[in-house]
Each structure stands twice: as structure tokens, then as C-alpha cells.
Amino acid sequence: MANNGKRYNDATQRYDKQHPHTANEGVELVKSLTAAKFDETLELAARLGVDPRKADQMIRGTVSLPSGTGTDVRVAVFAQGEAAAQASEAGADLVGGDDLAEQVQGGNMDFDVAIATPDMMPVVGKLGKILGPRGLMPNPKTGTVTDDVAKAVGEFKGGKVEYRTDRQGNIHVPVGKISFEADALVANIRAVMEELNRAKPAALKGRYIRKVTISSTMGPGVRLDPADLGAST
């Protein structure tokens, strides 16, 4: 992230920004560079050799982090009847049909994930201009359009996160909190990389994973060695 603060600049002088580290080395280095007074999030950024303008090279999906995210994920579920009851029992923070849609239109965006049953998509579809830009639009590819809403709520509450390429072919995924044990963060990083390798487009030519970095919320990026992560070439 762009940051010219004194602590940030001091941190960048304490290591070789171009040297690729193993996942273990990288995590320990990021931990040693943090100076914020809050529990920062560790984020993984991967630059992929894809062209997001081509439909078959748009990478999008979900991955379950074995160590969780360390964050209280708020989930909204668009459902009615029995499905709505199941979502509430599973711990969804907001549940409803037309009434929930009206809340969203009125500015209630106090949730991190939106899930919908297939029959509710005509209602949710009208919220596209609101949910879409925020990356909250339910989609079958990410398991957020489903009849089994209880399972989906449990998975996202338990550490499942979404990922998708941006316009430059980059992916950003939160992989835990700095307070996590190093082994827990490394496990999450490897889970993300395994998922990205699995999602490699079959028709892609050239190098797939070009660069991987990790950074804390307020800290500089630390390069990781794609080979150590089993990155597909």
C-alpha cells in the first residue's frame, strides 16, 4: 500500500524488498516490521499472468482458510420461509427477503458477505448497482447463491473468503491477523496458493503466477518465492 509515514519508511530500510522469501521467512519478517497499535490484517497479493478482459481468464472463487480469518464476518442472507429460519439458526447477522432488499437500498450495508437462495435472485438482482461495486453480489461461482444457506453461512463465518482478479490481473486475499502464530498464517497462505493453482485457466499461455507479496495493513510488502509456494508456472 502507498504510505510515506516515518514508521513505514523505516521498515522498508530493514530488508531487501526484491529478495523472494519462503513463506515462513516472509511471515516472520512481516511480523517483525509491524508497529501499529492494533491487530493488523495480513494480506496476500498475487500478480497473475491472465487477461481479465477474457471471460475464460477471469479468476474468481472461494477458499477456506484452515486457520480462519481472525475477523468477525457479518453475513446477510436473502431468503424466505424455512431457508430464512435455517440461516438465522446458522448465525446469519441479517436475514430477509424484500424487506432486507429495502434496507440495502436505504443504505444498510453493515455486512461483509451476501448470500441468497436461487429464488431470491430476481429481488437481489435489482441491487446490482449497490452490491456489485462493493464485491457483494451473490454468485453461484462463489457459493453465495445456494439452497443450503445454513452451510454457506457456517463456511463464511468459519474462514471461507472470496477472491477475484482486478482489472490488472491481481488478486488480494486477507490471510489472517498478525497476532496469529506464524504456522497458522503460513497454512492460510499455502491454502490460497493451492486454490489459485487449481483455478489456473486451461488455455492460459505463458507464466501464470508472476509475483506474490504479503503485507500487514500498515506495513510494506514482502516478496515470497512462488516456487516455495508450489506456484504453477
Protein backbone atom coordinates (compact mmCIF):
# COMPACT_ATOMS: atom_id res chain seq x y z
CA MET A 1 0.00 0.00 0.00
CA ALA A 2 1.13 3.60 -0.60
CA ASN A 3 2.33 5.06 2.65
CA ASN A 4 5.10 7.59 3.32
CA GLY A 5 4.92 7.61 7.10
CA LYS A 6 8.15 7.52 9.10
CA ARG A 7 7.46 4.03 10.52
CA TYR A 8 6.68 2.70 7.05
CA ASN A 9 9.81 4.20 5.55
CA ASP A 10 11.94 2.93 8.43
CA ALA A 11 10.53 -0.57 7.91
CA THR A 12 11.43 -0.57 4.20
CA GLN A 13 15.08 0.08 5.11
CA ARG A 14 15.30 -3.06 7.24
CA TYR A 15 15.14 -5.67 4.48
CA ASP A 16 15.77 -6.30 0.77
CA LYS A 17 12.46 -5.54 -0.96
CA GLN A 18 13.46 -7.51 -4.07
CA HIS A 19 14.55 -10.70 -2.30
CA PRO A 20 11.99 -13.53 -2.52
CA HIS A 21 11.46 -15.28 0.82
CA THR A 22 9.99 -18.61 1.79
CA ALA A 23 6.51 -18.36 3.32
CA ASN A 24 7.93 -18.92 6.82
CA GLU A 25 10.65 -16.29 6.37
CA GLY A 26 8.19 -13.82 4.89
CA VAL A 27 5.68 -14.16 7.70
CA GLU A 28 8.33 -13.74 10.37
CA LEU A 29 9.69 -10.68 8.56
CA VAL A 30 6.26 -9.03 8.25
CA LYS A 31 5.62 -9.71 11.93
CA SER A 32 8.92 -8.05 12.85
CA LEU A 33 8.07 -4.95 10.79
CA THR A 34 4.65 -4.20 12.31
CA ALA A 35 4.39 -1.21 14.61
CA ALA A 36 0.68 -0.38 14.64
CA LYS A 37 -1.22 -0.34 17.93
CA PHE A 38 -3.98 -2.60 16.58
CA ASP A 39 -4.03 -6.19 15.35
CA GLU A 40 -3.25 -5.71 11.67
CA THR A 41 -4.55 -7.97 8.92
CA LEU A 42 -2.05 -9.89 6.82
CA GLU A 43 -2.91 -9.68 3.12
CA LEU A 44 -1.58 -11.76 0.25
CA ALA A 45 -1.35 -10.16 -3.18
CA ALA A 46 -0.64 -12.22 -6.29
CA ARG A 47 0.02 -10.86 -9.76
CA LEU A 48 -1.27 -13.35 -12.31
CA GLY A 49 -0.38 -13.64 -15.97
CA VAL A 50 -4.00 -13.54 -17.06
CA ASP A 51 -6.06 -11.14 -19.15
CA PRO A 52 -9.19 -10.38 -17.07
CA ARG A 53 -10.83 -8.93 -20.19
CA LYS A 54 -11.18 -12.50 -21.48
CA ALA A 55 -14.04 -14.38 -19.82
CA ASP A 56 -12.07 -17.64 -19.61
CA GLN A 57 -9.23 -15.88 -17.77
CA MET A 58 -11.31 -14.11 -15.10
CA ILE A 59 -10.25 -15.90 -11.92
CA ARG A 60 -12.91 -15.93 -9.21
CA GLY A 61 -13.85 -18.30 -6.41
CA THR A 62 -13.55 -19.02 -2.71
CA VAL A 63 -11.02 -20.68 -0.45
CA SER A 64 -11.40 -21.92 3.11
CA LEU A 65 -8.57 -20.73 5.34
CA PRO A 66 -7.62 -23.58 7.71
CA SER A 67 -6.65 -21.12 10.45
CA GLY A 68 -9.65 -18.82 9.93
CA THR A 69 -9.52 -15.08 9.29
CA GLY A 70 -9.46 -13.76 12.84
CA THR A 71 -12.27 -11.42 11.84
CA ASP A 72 -15.93 -11.40 12.84
CA VAL A 73 -17.56 -11.80 9.42
CA ARG A 74 -21.05 -10.32 9.16
CA VAL A 75 -23.30 -12.28 6.80
CA ALA A 76 -26.54 -11.14 5.16
CA VAL A 77 -28.88 -13.78 3.71
CA PHE A 78 -31.66 -13.13 1.23
CA ALA A 79 -34.12 -15.94 1.88
CA GLN A 80 -37.69 -16.67 2.88
CA GLY A 81 -39.58 -19.32 4.84
CA GLU A 82 -37.64 -22.36 6.03
CA ALA A 83 -34.41 -21.22 4.37
CA ALA A 84 -34.58 -17.93 6.28
CA ALA A 85 -35.10 -19.80 9.55
CA GLN A 86 -32.11 -22.04 8.82
CA ALA A 87 -29.94 -19.03 8.01
CA SER A 88 -30.86 -17.39 11.32
CA GLU A 89 -30.11 -20.59 13.24
CA ALA A 90 -26.72 -20.83 11.49
CA GLY A 91 -25.78 -17.37 12.79
CA ALA A 92 -26.55 -15.01 9.89
CA ASP A 93 -26.50 -11.39 11.00
CA LEU A 94 -29.18 -10.13 8.62
CA VAL A 95 -31.93 -12.28 7.10
CA GLY A 96 -34.86 -11.29 4.93
CA GLY A 97 -36.45 -11.00 1.50
CA ASP A 98 -37.99 -7.85 0.09
CA ASP A 99 -37.59 -6.20 3.48
CA LEU A 100 -33.82 -6.82 3.51
CA ALA A 101 -33.57 -5.53 -0.07
CA GLU A 102 -35.31 -2.33 1.03
CA GLN A 103 -32.82 -1.98 3.90
CA VAL A 104 -29.91 -2.27 1.48
CA GLN A 105 -31.47 0.28 -0.85
CA GLY A 106 -31.84 2.54 2.16
CA GLY A 107 -28.13 2.35 2.91
CA ASN A 108 -27.79 -0.59 5.31
CA MET A 109 -24.50 -2.13 4.17
CA ASP A 110 -23.42 -3.49 7.54
CA PHE A 111 -22.29 -6.88 6.23
CA ASP A 112 -19.23 -8.45 4.63
CA VAL A 113 -20.83 -11.30 2.67
CA ALA A 114 -24.22 -11.59 0.96
CA ILE A 115 -25.82 -15.00 0.35
CA ALA A 116 -29.07 -15.69 -1.49
CA THR A 117 -31.29 -18.62 -2.33
CA PRO A 118 -31.84 -19.01 -6.10
CA ASP A 119 -35.49 -17.95 -5.88
CA MET A 120 -34.45 -14.63 -4.34
CA MET A 121 -32.12 -13.61 -7.18
CA PRO A 122 -34.79 -11.59 -9.06
CA VAL A 123 -35.03 -9.41 -5.94
CA VAL A 124 -31.27 -9.33 -5.32
CA GLY A 125 -30.59 -8.62 -8.99
CA LYS A 126 -32.21 -5.20 -8.59
CA LEU A 127 -29.48 -4.37 -6.06
CA GLY A 128 -26.69 -4.95 -8.56
CA LYS A 129 -25.62 -1.30 -8.74
CA ILE A 130 -25.27 -1.25 -4.96
CA LEU A 131 -23.78 -4.67 -4.25
CA GLY A 132 -21.73 -5.12 -7.43
CA PRO A 133 -19.19 -2.30 -6.95
CA ARG A 134 -18.60 -3.50 -3.38
CA GLY A 135 -17.96 -7.08 -4.46
CA LEU A 136 -21.02 -8.26 -2.50
CA MET A 137 -23.26 -9.53 -5.30
CA PRO A 138 -24.18 -13.21 -4.67
CA ASN A 139 -22.77 -15.52 -7.33
CA PRO A 140 -23.05 -19.30 -7.87
CA LYS A 141 -19.28 -19.46 -8.58
CA THR A 142 -18.50 -18.38 -5.03
CA GLY A 143 -21.17 -20.49 -3.36
CA THR A 144 -23.17 -17.45 -2.35
CA VAL A 145 -26.20 -18.44 -4.43
CA THR A 146 -27.34 -21.69 -2.86
CA ASP A 147 -30.29 -23.58 -1.40
CA ASP A 148 -28.13 -24.69 1.54
CA VAL A 149 -27.82 -21.28 3.17
CA ALA A 150 -27.02 -22.71 6.59
CA LYS A 151 -23.91 -24.44 5.24
CA ALA A 152 -22.82 -21.30 3.40
CA VAL A 153 -23.24 -19.12 6.49
CA GLY A 154 -21.18 -21.57 8.54
CA GLU A 155 -18.40 -21.66 5.95
CA PHE A 156 -18.03 -17.89 5.63
CA LYS A 157 -18.25 -17.43 9.39
CA GLY A 158 -15.61 -20.14 9.76
CA GLY A 159 -12.95 -18.76 7.44
CA LYS A 160 -14.04 -19.02 3.82
CA VAL A 161 -13.03 -15.96 1.79
CA GLU A 162 -13.70 -14.85 -1.76
CA TYR A 163 -11.08 -13.88 -4.31
CA ARG A 164 -11.24 -12.40 -7.80
CA THR A 165 -8.88 -10.74 -10.26
CA ASP A 166 -8.99 -6.99 -10.60
CA ARG A 167 -8.57 -5.17 -13.91
CA GLN A 168 -4.80 -5.61 -13.81
CA GLY A 169 -4.94 -9.34 -13.11
CA ASN A 170 -4.09 -9.02 -9.41
CA ILE A 171 -5.72 -10.87 -6.54
CA HIS A 172 -5.82 -9.63 -2.94
CA VAL A 173 -6.80 -12.03 -0.14
CA PRO A 174 -6.75 -11.47 3.65
CA VAL A 175 -4.99 -14.44 5.24
CA GLY A 176 -5.33 -13.78 8.97
CA LYS A 177 -4.19 -11.44 11.72
CA ILE A 178 -0.63 -10.53 12.67
CA SER A 179 -1.36 -11.92 16.14
CA PHE A 180 -1.75 -15.43 14.66
CA GLU A 181 1.07 -17.91 15.18
CA ALA A 182 3.41 -17.94 12.17
CA ASP A 183 2.50 -21.55 11.32
CA ALA A 184 -1.19 -20.62 11.18
CA LEU A 185 -0.52 -17.78 8.75
CA VAL A 186 1.70 -19.96 6.58
CA ALA A 187 -1.05 -22.60 6.43
CA ASN A 188 -3.52 -19.97 5.23
CA ILE A 189 -1.07 -18.66 2.63
CA ARG A 190 -0.46 -22.13 1.26
CA ALA A 191 -4.21 -22.82 1.12
CA VAL A 192 -4.71 -19.70 -1.01
CA MET A 193 -1.86 -20.60 -3.35
CA GLU A 194 -3.15 -24.15 -3.78
CA GLU A 195 -6.54 -22.73 -4.72
CA LEU A 196 -5.04 -20.29 -7.21
CA ASN A 197 -3.07 -23.11 -8.82
CA ARG A 198 -6.25 -25.15 -9.09
CA ALA A 199 -8.02 -22.21 -10.74
CA LYS A 200 -5.38 -21.76 -13.48
CA PRO A 201 -7.16 -21.36 -16.85
CA ALA A 202 -6.53 -24.38 -19.06
CA ALA A 203 -5.93 -22.25 -22.15
CA LEU A 204 -3.51 -19.81 -20.50
CA LYS A 205 -0.19 -19.35 -22.27
CA GLY A 206 2.92 -18.10 -20.53
CA ARG A 207 3.78 -17.69 -16.88
CA TYR A 208 0.74 -17.88 -14.57
CA ILE A 209 1.83 -16.67 -11.12
CA ARG A 210 4.26 -13.82 -11.67
CA LYS A 211 4.68 -12.28 -8.25
CA VAL A 212 3.47 -12.91 -4.69
CA THR A 213 3.77 -10.49 -1.78
CA ILE A 214 2.41 -10.31 1.74
CA SER A 215 1.97 -7.21 3.87
CA SER A 216 0.31 -6.07 7.05
CA THR A 217 -2.38 -3.37 6.98
CA MET A 218 0.09 -0.56 7.65
CA GLY A 219 3.31 -2.23 6.54
CA PRO A 220 5.37 -2.61 3.34
CA GLY A 221 5.15 -5.60 1.02
CA VAL A 222 7.47 -8.58 1.41
CA ARG A 223 8.07 -10.76 -1.63
CA LEU A 224 7.54 -14.50 -1.41
CA ASP A 225 9.22 -17.12 -3.59
CA PRO A 226 6.49 -18.61 -5.85
CA ALA A 227 8.49 -21.83 -6.13
CA ASP A 228 8.36 -22.31 -2.34
CA LEU A 229 4.60 -21.96 -2.59
CA GLY A 230 4.28 -24.59 -5.31
CA ALA A 231 3.19 -21.90 -7.76
CA SER A 232 2.19 -23.06 -11.21
CA THR A 233 4.38 -21.61 -13.95
